[in-house]
Amino acid sequence: NADKLDGETQDLAHGSAFHQNVRIKSNGSDYTASAKSHLVIITAGVAQKVGESRLALIEKNVQVMKTIIPNVLAHSPNAAICIVSNPVDIMT
């Protein structure tokens, strides 16, 4: 969802005023925007459906990460990756 991505980008950009040399970018599925990054924050995942177990949810979100992380690493192989997704307690 492009609007959600734009909103997440703006939220992060507002918090970056307290740090030097920070560039917040988003560009949908164009991973070149992350090229040579020191830190990549991934805010992706499938929403949990009513009655869905946390283990079923993590299986879906693992598949999402399997498509994203290789693309990020292709452009920023030395980046630290921060994943913001659910279920947090199981993924960490």
PDB file of N, CA and C in Angstrom:
ATOM      1  N   ASN A   1       0.843  -1.170   0.000  1.00  0.00           N
ATOM      2  CA  ASN A   1       0.000   0.000   0.000  1.00  0.00           C
ATOM      3  C   ASN A   1       0.892   1.238   0.000  1.00  0.00           C
ATOM      4  N   ALA A   2       0.869   1.986  -1.063  1.00  0.00           N
ATOM      5  CA  ALA A   2       1.750   3.142  -1.225  1.00  0.00           C
ATOM      6  C   ALA A   2       1.476   4.230  -0.193  1.00  0.00           C
ATOM      7  N   ASP A   3       0.220   4.451   0.159  1.00  0.00           N
ATOM      8  CA  ASP A   3      -0.110   5.480   1.157  1.00  0.00           C
ATOM      9  C   ASP A   3       0.432   5.112   2.532  1.00  0.00           C
ATOM     10  N   LYS A   4       0.324   3.842   2.893  1.00  0.00           N
ATOM     11  CA  LYS A   4       0.853   3.385   4.186  1.00  0.00           C
ATOM     12  C   LYS A   4       2.366   3.533   4.209  1.00  0.00           C
ATOM     13  N   LEU A   5       3.035   3.157   3.118  1.00  0.00           N
ATOM     14  CA  LEU A   5       4.481   3.291   3.025  1.00  0.00           C
ATOM     15  C   LEU A   5       4.894   4.751   3.179  1.00  0.00           C
ATOM     16  N   ASP A   6       4.170   5.639   2.519  1.00  0.00           N
ATOM     17  CA  ASP A   6       4.468   7.068   2.625  1.00  0.00           C
ATOM     18  C   ASP A   6       4.283   7.553   4.065  1.00  0.00           C
ATOM     19  N   GLY A   7       3.240   7.103   4.735  1.00  0.00           N
ATOM     20  CA  GLY A   7       2.999   7.484   6.124  1.00  0.00           C
ATOM     21  C   GLY A   7       4.101   6.990   7.050  1.00  0.00           C
ATOM     22  N   GLU A   8       4.530   5.746   6.855  1.00  0.00           N
ATOM     23  CA  GLU A   8       5.622   5.193   7.674  1.00  0.00           C
ATOM     24  C   GLU A   8       6.904   5.994   7.450  1.00  0.00           C
ATOM     25  N   THR A   9       7.164   6.344   6.202  1.00  0.00           N
ATOM     26  CA  THR A   9       8.356   7.126   5.870  1.00  0.00           C
ATOM     27  C   THR A   9       8.319   8.488   6.551  1.00  0.00           C
ATOM     28  N   GLN A  10       7.173   9.142   6.515  1.00  0.00           N
ATOM     29  CA  GLN A  10       7.040  10.449   7.157  1.00  0.00           C
ATOM     30  C   GLN A  10       7.214  10.347   8.675  1.00  0.00           C
ATOM     31  N   ASP A  11       6.663   9.295   9.291  1.00  0.00           N
ATOM     32  CA  ASP A  11       6.833   9.100  10.733  1.00  0.00           C
ATOM     33  C   ASP A  11       8.310   8.978  11.095  1.00  0.00           C
ATOM     34  N   LEU A  12       9.036   8.172  10.338  1.00  0.00           N
ATOM     35  CA  LEU A  12      10.466   8.007  10.602  1.00  0.00           C
ATOM     36  C   LEU A  12      11.233   9.298  10.350  1.00  0.00           C
ATOM     37  N   ALA A  13      10.870  10.015   9.307  1.00  0.00           N
ATOM     38  CA  ALA A  13      11.546  11.274   8.987  1.00  0.00           C
ATOM     39  C   ALA A  13      11.362  12.312  10.093  1.00  0.00           C
ATOM     40  N   HIS A  14      10.178  12.348  10.705  1.00  0.00           N
ATOM     41  CA  HIS A  14       9.935  13.305  11.782  1.00  0.00           C
ATOM     42  C   HIS A  14      10.839  13.021  12.975  1.00  0.00           C
ATOM     43  N   GLY A  15      11.095  11.761  13.255  1.00  0.00           N
ATOM     44  CA  GLY A  15      11.972  11.398  14.363  1.00  0.00           C
ATOM     45  C   GLY A  15      13.446  11.571  14.050  1.00  0.00           C
ATOM     46  N   SER A  16      13.792  11.725  12.789  1.00  0.00           N
ATOM     47  CA  SER A  16      15.200  11.823  12.404  1.00  0.00           C
ATOM     48  C   SER A  16      15.794  13.204  12.657  1.00  0.00           C
ATOM     49  N   ALA A  17      14.991  14.162  13.049  1.00  0.00           N
ATOM     50  CA  ALA A  17      15.499  15.513  13.288  1.00  0.00           C
ATOM     51  C   ALA A  17      16.523  15.543  14.417  1.00  0.00           C
ATOM     52  N   PHE A  18      16.526  14.521  15.247  1.00  0.00           N
ATOM     53  CA  PHE A  18      17.424  14.484  16.395  1.00  0.00           C
ATOM     54  C   PHE A  18      18.745  13.782  16.097  1.00  0.00           C
ATOM     55  N   HIS A  19      18.954  13.376  14.850  1.00  0.00           N
ATOM     56  CA  HIS A  19      20.172  12.664  14.462  1.00  0.00           C
ATOM     57  C   HIS A  19      20.804  13.333  13.255  1.00  0.00           C
ATOM     58  N   GLN A  20      22.131  13.259  13.182  1.00  0.00           N
ATOM     59  CA  GLN A  20      22.837  13.828  12.043  1.00  0.00           C
ATOM     60  C   GLN A  20      22.927  12.803  10.919  1.00  0.00           C
ATOM     61  N   ASN A  21      23.018  13.287   9.708  1.00  0.00           N
ATOM     62  CA  ASN A  21      23.266  12.456   8.526  1.00  0.00           C
ATOM     63  C   ASN A  21      22.257  11.329   8.344  1.00  0.00           C
ATOM     64  N   VAL A  22      21.003  11.615   8.532  1.00  0.00           N
ATOM     65  CA  VAL A  22      19.958  10.615   8.354  1.00  0.00           C
ATOM     66  C   VAL A  22      19.161  10.947   7.100  1.00  0.00           C
ATOM     67  N   ARG A  23      18.983   9.942   6.254  1.00  0.00           N
ATOM     68  CA  ARG A  23      18.136  10.082   5.080  1.00  0.00           C
ATOM     69  C   ARG A  23      17.082   8.991   5.152  1.00  0.00           C
ATOM     70  N   ILE A  24      15.833   9.375   5.150  1.00  0.00           N
ATOM     71  CA  ILE A  24      14.729   8.434   5.183  1.00  0.00           C
ATOM     72  C   ILE A  24      14.153   8.359   3.776  1.00  0.00           C
ATOM     73  N   LYS A  25      14.142   7.166   3.198  1.00  0.00           N
ATOM     74  CA  LYS A  25      13.644   6.984   1.839  1.00  0.00           C
ATOM     75  C   LYS A  25      12.676   5.814   1.801  1.00  0.00           C
ATOM     76  N   SER A  26      11.761   5.885   0.873  1.00  0.00           N
ATOM     77  CA  SER A  26      10.919   4.733   0.552  1.00  0.00           C
ATOM     78  C   SER A  26      10.609   4.803  -0.931  1.00  0.00           C
ATOM     79  N   ASN A  27      10.487   3.642  -1.525  1.00  0.00           N
ATOM     80  CA  ASN A  27      10.204   3.619  -2.952  1.00  0.00           C
ATOM     81  C   ASN A  27       9.518   2.318  -3.339  1.00  0.00           C
ATOM     82  N   GLY A  28       8.506   1.945  -2.559  1.00  0.00           N
ATOM     83  CA  GLY A  28       7.765   0.731  -2.887  1.00  0.00           C
ATOM     84  C   GLY A  28       8.652  -0.487  -2.947  1.00  0.00           C
ATOM     85  N   SER A  29       8.623  -1.188  -4.048  1.00  0.00           N
ATOM     86  CA  SER A  29       9.429  -2.394  -4.187  1.00  0.00           C
ATOM     87  C   SER A  29      10.721  -2.157  -4.958  1.00  0.00           C
ATOM     88  N   ASP A  30      11.110  -0.898  -5.129  1.00  0.00           N
ATOM     89  CA  ASP A  30      12.375  -0.572  -5.788  1.00  0.00           C
ATOM     90  C   ASP A  30      13.468  -0.548  -4.720  1.00  0.00           C
ATOM     91  N   TYR A  31      14.175  -1.640  -4.595  1.00  0.00           N
ATOM     92  CA  TYR A  31      15.163  -1.792  -3.528  1.00  0.00           C
ATOM     93  C   TYR A  31      16.414  -0.954  -3.743  1.00  0.00           C
ATOM     94  N   THR A  32      16.567  -0.329  -4.896  1.00  0.00           N
ATOM     95  CA  THR A  32      17.723   0.533  -5.107  1.00  0.00           C
ATOM     96  C   THR A  32      17.692   1.735  -4.168  1.00  0.00           C
ATOM     97  N   ALA A  33      16.512   2.071  -3.644  1.00  0.00           N
ATOM     98  CA  ALA A  33      16.412   3.175  -2.685  1.00  0.00           C
ATOM     99  C   ALA A  33      17.178   2.872  -1.415  1.00  0.00           C
ATOM    100  N   SER A  34      17.415   1.592  -1.131  1.00  0.00           N
ATOM    101  CA  SER A  34      18.141   1.210   0.085  1.00  0.00           C
ATOM    102  C   SER A  34      19.636   1.033  -0.145  1.00  0.00           C
ATOM    103  N   ALA A  35      20.103   1.263  -1.355  1.00  0.00           N
ATOM    104  CA  ALA A  35      21.503   0.995  -1.689  1.00  0.00           C
ATOM    105  C   ALA A  35      22.471   1.692  -0.747  1.00  0.00           C
ATOM    106  N   LYS A  36      23.442   0.917  -0.284  1.00  0.00           N
ATOM    107  CA  LYS A  36      24.525   1.379   0.584  1.00  0.00           C
ATOM    108  C   LYS A  36      24.040   1.890   1.938  1.00  0.00           C
ATOM    109  N   SER A  37      22.901   1.434   2.382  1.00  0.00           N
ATOM    110  CA  SER A  37      22.373   1.850   3.689  1.00  0.00           C
ATOM    111  C   SER A  37      23.160   1.199   4.816  1.00  0.00           C
ATOM    112  N   HIS A  38      23.215   1.900   5.943  1.00  0.00           N
ATOM    113  CA  HIS A  38      23.813   1.343   7.155  1.00  0.00           C
ATOM    114  C   HIS A  38      22.744   0.626   7.972  1.00  0.00           C
ATOM    115  N   LEU A  39      21.505   1.094   7.869  1.00  0.00           N
ATOM    116  CA  LEU A  39      20.384   0.513   8.594  1.00  0.00           C
ATOM    117  C   LEU A  39      19.173   0.480   7.673  1.00  0.00           C
ATOM    118  N   VAL A  40      18.526  -0.671   7.605  1.00  0.00           N
ATOM    119  CA  VAL A  40      17.286  -0.814   6.844  1.00  0.00           C
ATOM    120  C   VAL A  40      16.210  -1.274   7.817  1.00  0.00           C
ATOM    121  N   ILE A  41      15.120  -0.534   7.871  1.00  0.00           N
ATOM    122  CA  ILE A  41      14.000  -0.882   8.740  1.00  0.00           C
ATOM    123  C   ILE A  41      12.896  -1.451   7.866  1.00  0.00           C
ATOM    124  N   ILE A  42      12.514  -2.683   8.156  1.00  0.00           N
ATOM    125  CA  ILE A  42      11.463  -3.355   7.393  1.00  0.00           C
ATOM    126  C   ILE A  42      10.199  -3.365   8.225  1.00  0.00           C
ATOM    127  N   THR A  43       9.166  -2.712   7.723  1.00  0.00           N
ATOM    128  CA  THR A  43       7.872  -2.659   8.411  1.00  0.00           C
ATOM    129  C   THR A  43       6.842  -3.362   7.549  1.00  0.00           C
ATOM    130  N   ALA A  44       7.035  -4.650   7.363  1.00  0.00           N
ATOM    131  CA  ALA A  44       6.158  -5.406   6.465  1.00  0.00           C
ATOM    132  C   ALA A  44       5.639  -6.640   7.175  1.00  0.00           C
ATOM    133  N   GLY A  45       4.486  -7.070   6.738  1.00  0.00           N
ATOM    134  CA  GLY A  45       3.939  -8.298   7.275  1.00  0.00           C
ATOM    135  C   GLY A  45       2.459  -8.390   6.972  1.00  0.00           C
ATOM    136  N   VAL A  46       1.950  -9.569   7.157  1.00  0.00           N
ATOM    137  CA  VAL A  46       0.540  -9.855   6.923  1.00  0.00           C
ATOM    138  C   VAL A  46      -0.219  -9.617   8.222  1.00  0.00           C
ATOM    139  N   ALA A  47      -1.383  -9.032   8.133  1.00  0.00           N
ATOM    140  CA  ALA A  47      -2.207  -8.806   9.327  1.00  0.00           C
ATOM    141  C   ALA A  47      -2.800 -10.125   9.812  1.00  0.00           C
ATOM    142  N   GLN A  48      -2.889 -10.246  11.125  1.00  0.00           N
ATOM    143  CA  GLN A  48      -3.470 -11.458  11.710  1.00  0.00           C
ATOM    144  C   GLN A  48      -4.982 -11.443  11.537  1.00  0.00           C
ATOM    145  N   LYS A  49      -5.508 -12.558  11.060  1.00  0.00           N
ATOM    146  CA  LYS A  49      -6.949 -12.695  10.883  1.00  0.00           C
ATOM    147  C   LYS A  49      -7.581 -13.183  12.176  1.00  0.00           C
ATOM    148  N   VAL A  50      -8.848 -12.882  12.358  1.00  0.00           N
ATOM    149  CA  VAL A  50      -9.577 -13.326  13.539  1.00  0.00           C
ATOM    150  C   VAL A  50      -9.502 -14.847  13.632  1.00  0.00           C
ATOM    151  N   GLY A  51      -9.078 -15.327  14.784  1.00  0.00           N
ATOM    152  CA  GLY A  51      -8.987 -16.767  15.012  1.00  0.00           C
ATOM    153  C   GLY A  51      -7.722 -17.418  14.490  1.00  0.00           C
ATOM    154  N   GLU A  52      -6.886 -16.666  13.801  1.00  0.00           N
ATOM    155  CA  GLU A  52      -5.640 -17.218  13.259  1.00  0.00           C
ATOM    156  C   GLU A  52      -4.610 -17.356  14.374  1.00  0.00           C
ATOM    157  N   SER A  53      -3.934 -18.476  14.421  1.00  0.00           N
ATOM    158  CA  SER A  53      -2.917 -18.676  15.455  1.00  0.00           C
ATOM    159  C   SER A  53      -1.680 -17.837  15.139  1.00  0.00           C
ATOM    160  N   ARG A  54      -0.907 -17.568  16.178  1.00  0.00           N
ATOM    161  CA  ARG A  54       0.323 -16.804  16.003  1.00  0.00           C
ATOM    162  C   ARG A  54       1.334 -17.594  15.172  1.00  0.00           C
ATOM    163  N   LEU A  55       1.318 -18.916  15.295  1.00  0.00           N
ATOM    164  CA  LEU A  55       2.225 -19.739  14.499  1.00  0.00           C
ATOM    165  C   LEU A  55       1.856 -19.701  13.017  1.00  0.00           C
ATOM    166  N   ALA A  56       0.572 -19.669  12.707  1.00  0.00           N
ATOM    167  CA  ALA A  56       0.144 -19.550  11.305  1.00  0.00           C
ATOM    168  C   ALA A  56       0.546 -18.189  10.747  1.00  0.00           C
ATOM    169  N   LEU A  57       0.410 -17.160  11.582  1.00  0.00           N
ATOM    170  CA  LEU A  57       0.790 -15.811  11.156  1.00  0.00           C
ATOM    171  C   LEU A  57       2.276 -15.723  10.874  1.00  0.00           C
ATOM    172  N   ILE A  58       3.083 -16.317  11.740  1.00  0.00           N
ATOM    173  CA  ILE A  58       4.530 -16.230  11.519  1.00  0.00           C
ATOM    174  C   ILE A  58       4.943 -16.948  10.241  1.00  0.00           C
ATOM    175  N   GLU A  59       4.265 -18.033   9.906  1.00  0.00           N
ATOM    176  CA  GLU A  59       4.585 -18.727   8.654  1.00  0.00           C
ATOM    177  C   GLU A  59       4.381 -17.798   7.458  1.00  0.00           C
ATOM    178  N   LYS A  60       3.314 -17.030   7.474  1.00  0.00           N
ATOM    179  CA  LYS A  60       3.049 -16.079   6.388  1.00  0.00           C
ATOM    180  C   LYS A  60       4.098 -14.974   6.377  1.00  0.00           C
ATOM    181  N   ASN A  61       4.428 -14.446   7.563  1.00  0.00           N
ATOM    182  CA  ASN A  61       5.370 -13.336   7.623  1.00  0.00           C
ATOM    183  C   ASN A  61       6.803 -13.768   7.317  1.00  0.00           C
ATOM    184  N   VAL A  62       7.143 -15.012   7.599  1.00  0.00           N
ATOM    185  CA  VAL A  62       8.455 -15.529   7.198  1.00  0.00           C
ATOM    186  C   VAL A  62       8.556 -15.524   5.674  1.00  0.00           C
ATOM    187  N   GLN A  63       7.489 -15.898   4.996  1.00  0.00           N
ATOM    188  CA  GLN A  63       7.497 -15.883   3.531  1.00  0.00           C
ATOM    189  C   GLN A  63       7.671 -14.460   2.995  1.00  0.00           C
ATOM    190  N   VAL A  64       7.044 -13.488   3.653  1.00  0.00           N
ATOM    191  CA  VAL A  64       7.202 -12.082   3.254  1.00  0.00           C
ATOM    192  C   VAL A  64       8.667 -11.677   3.401  1.00  0.00           C
ATOM    193  N   MET A  65       9.270 -12.020   4.530  1.00  0.00           N
ATOM    194  CA  MET A  65      10.672 -11.651   4.782  1.00  0.00           C
ATOM    195  C   MET A  65      11.615 -12.341   3.806  1.00  0.00           C
ATOM    196  N   LYS A  66      11.282 -13.559   3.394  1.00  0.00           N
ATOM    197  CA  LYS A  66      12.125 -14.280   2.431  1.00  0.00           C
ATOM    198  C   LYS A  66      12.164 -13.597   1.075  1.00  0.00           C
ATOM    199  N   THR A  67      11.168 -12.784   0.770  1.00  0.00           N
ATOM    200  CA  THR A  67      11.192 -12.042  -0.494  1.00  0.00           C
ATOM    201  C   THR A  67      11.874 -10.685  -0.336  1.00  0.00           C
ATOM    202  N   ILE A  68      11.803 -10.111   0.858  1.00  0.00           N
ATOM    203  CA  ILE A  68      12.350  -8.772   1.076  1.00  0.00           C
ATOM    204  C   ILE A  68      13.842  -8.787   1.390  1.00  0.00           C
ATOM    205  N   ILE A  69      14.253  -9.612   2.341  1.00  0.00           N
ATOM    206  CA  ILE A  69      15.627  -9.562   2.849  1.00  0.00           C
ATOM    207  C   ILE A  69      16.689  -9.811   1.771  1.00  0.00           C
ATOM    208  N   PRO A  70      16.543 -10.796   0.896  1.00  0.00           N
ATOM    209  CA  PRO A  70      17.559 -10.961  -0.151  1.00  0.00           C
ATOM    210  C   PRO A  70      17.707  -9.723  -1.041  1.00  0.00           C
ATOM    211  N   ASN A  71      16.605  -9.051  -1.326  1.00  0.00           N
ATOM    212  CA  ASN A  71      16.667  -7.830  -2.137  1.00  0.00           C
ATOM    213  C   ASN A  71      17.374  -6.707  -1.399  1.00  0.00           C
ATOM    214  N   VAL A  72      17.105  -6.573  -0.112  1.00  0.00           N
ATOM    215  CA  VAL A  72      17.792  -5.547   0.691  1.00  0.00           C
ATOM    216  C   VAL A  72      19.289  -5.840   0.708  1.00  0.00           C
ATOM    217  N   LEU A  73      19.670  -7.083   0.984  1.00  0.00           N
ATOM    218  CA  LEU A  73      21.081  -7.449   1.070  1.00  0.00           C
ATOM    219  C   LEU A  73      21.808  -7.314  -0.258  1.00  0.00           C
ATOM    220  N   ALA A  74      21.089  -7.470  -1.353  1.00  0.00           N
ATOM    221  CA  ALA A  74      21.714  -7.301  -2.667  1.00  0.00           C
ATOM    222  C   ALA A  74      22.191  -5.869  -2.866  1.00  0.00           C
ATOM    223  N   HIS A  75      21.497  -4.910  -2.281  1.00  0.00           N
ATOM    224  CA  HIS A  75      21.850  -3.502  -2.449  1.00  0.00           C
ATOM    225  C   HIS A  75      22.606  -2.921  -1.258  1.00  0.00           C
ATOM    226  N   SER A  76      22.449  -3.528  -0.088  1.00  0.00           N
ATOM    227  CA  SER A  76      23.108  -3.043   1.129  1.00  0.00           C
ATOM    228  C   SER A  76      23.613  -4.240   1.939  1.00  0.00           C
ATOM    229  N   PRO A  77      24.662  -4.901   1.440  1.00  0.00           N
ATOM    230  CA  PRO A  77      25.104  -6.145   2.073  1.00  0.00           C
ATOM    231  C   PRO A  77      25.631  -5.987   3.498  1.00  0.00           C
ATOM    232  N   ASN A  78      26.022  -4.795   3.887  1.00  0.00           N
ATOM    233  CA  ASN A  78      26.565  -4.586   5.226  1.00  0.00           C
ATOM    234  C   ASN A  78      25.589  -3.895   6.170  1.00  0.00           C
ATOM    235  N   ALA A  79      24.363  -3.736   5.744  1.00  0.00           N
ATOM    236  CA  ALA A  79      23.367  -3.019   6.553  1.00  0.00           C
ATOM    237  C   ALA A  79      22.906  -3.861   7.732  1.00  0.00           C
ATOM    238  N   ALA A  80      22.633  -3.172   8.833  1.00  0.00           N
ATOM    239  CA  ALA A  80      21.906  -3.789   9.935  1.00  0.00           C
ATOM    240  C   ALA A  80      20.439  -3.734   9.536  1.00  0.00           C
ATOM    241  N   ILE A  81      19.694  -4.793   9.849  1.00  0.00           N
ATOM    242  CA  ILE A  81      18.291  -4.849   9.475  1.00  0.00           C
ATOM    243  C   ILE A  81      17.447  -4.901  10.731  1.00  0.00           C
ATOM    244  N   CYS A  82      16.509  -3.971  10.826  1.00  0.00           N
ATOM    245  CA  CYS A  82      15.554  -3.928  11.935  1.00  0.00           C
ATOM    246  C   CYS A  82      14.197  -4.331  11.366  1.00  0.00           C
ATOM    247  N   ILE A  83      13.641  -5.426  11.893  1.00  0.00           N
ATOM    248  CA  ILE A  83      12.353  -5.910  11.405  1.00  0.00           C
ATOM    249  C   ILE A  83      11.277  -5.550  12.418  1.00  0.00           C
ATOM    250  N   VAL A  84      10.261  -4.826  11.944  1.00  0.00           N
ATOM    251  CA  VAL A  84       9.119  -4.450  12.779  1.00  0.00           C
ATOM    252  C   VAL A  84       7.919  -5.194  12.215  1.00  0.00           C
ATOM    253  N   SER A  85       7.578  -6.309  12.843  1.00  0.00           N
ATOM    254  CA  SER A  85       6.503  -7.150  12.346  1.00  0.00           C
ATOM    255  C   SER A  85       5.934  -7.963  13.484  1.00  0.00           C
ATOM    256  N   ASN A  86       4.838  -8.643  13.233  1.00  0.00           N
ATOM    257  CA  ASN A  86       4.213  -9.481  14.235  1.00  0.00           C
ATOM    258  C   ASN A  86       4.255 -10.934  13.799  1.00  0.00           C
ATOM    259  N   PRO A  87       4.237 -11.864  14.685  1.00  0.00           N
ATOM    260  CA  PRO A  87       4.257 -11.719  16.144  1.00  0.00           C
ATOM    261  C   PRO A  87       5.681 -11.528  16.657  1.00  0.00           C
ATOM    262  N   VAL A  88       5.916 -10.426  17.320  1.00  0.00           N
ATOM    263  CA  VAL A  88       7.257 -10.030  17.757  1.00  0.00           C
ATOM    264  C   VAL A  88       7.881 -11.067  18.679  1.00  0.00           C
ATOM    265  N   ASP A  89       7.125 -11.560  19.657  1.00  0.00           N
ATOM    266  CA  ASP A  89       7.714 -12.473  20.631  1.00  0.00           C
ATOM    267  C   ASP A  89       8.238 -13.755  19.993  1.00  0.00           C
ATOM    268  N   ILE A  90       7.594 -14.231  18.940  1.00  0.00           N
ATOM    269  CA  ILE A  90       8.052 -15.460  18.289  1.00  0.00           C
ATOM    270  C   ILE A  90       9.191 -15.180  17.317  1.00  0.00           C
ATOM    271  N   MET A  91       9.132 -14.035  16.612  1.00  0.00           N
ATOM    272  CA  MET A  91      10.144 -13.725  15.610  1.00  0.00           C
ATOM    273  C   MET A  91      11.490 -13.374  16.223  1.00  0.00           C
ATOM    274  N   THR A  92      11.490 -12.905  17.468  1.00  0.00           N
ATOM    275  CA  THR A  92      12.758 -12.552  18.090  1.00  0.00           C
ATOM    276  C   THR A  92      13.294 -13.717  18.855  1.00  0.00           C
TER     277      THR A  92
END
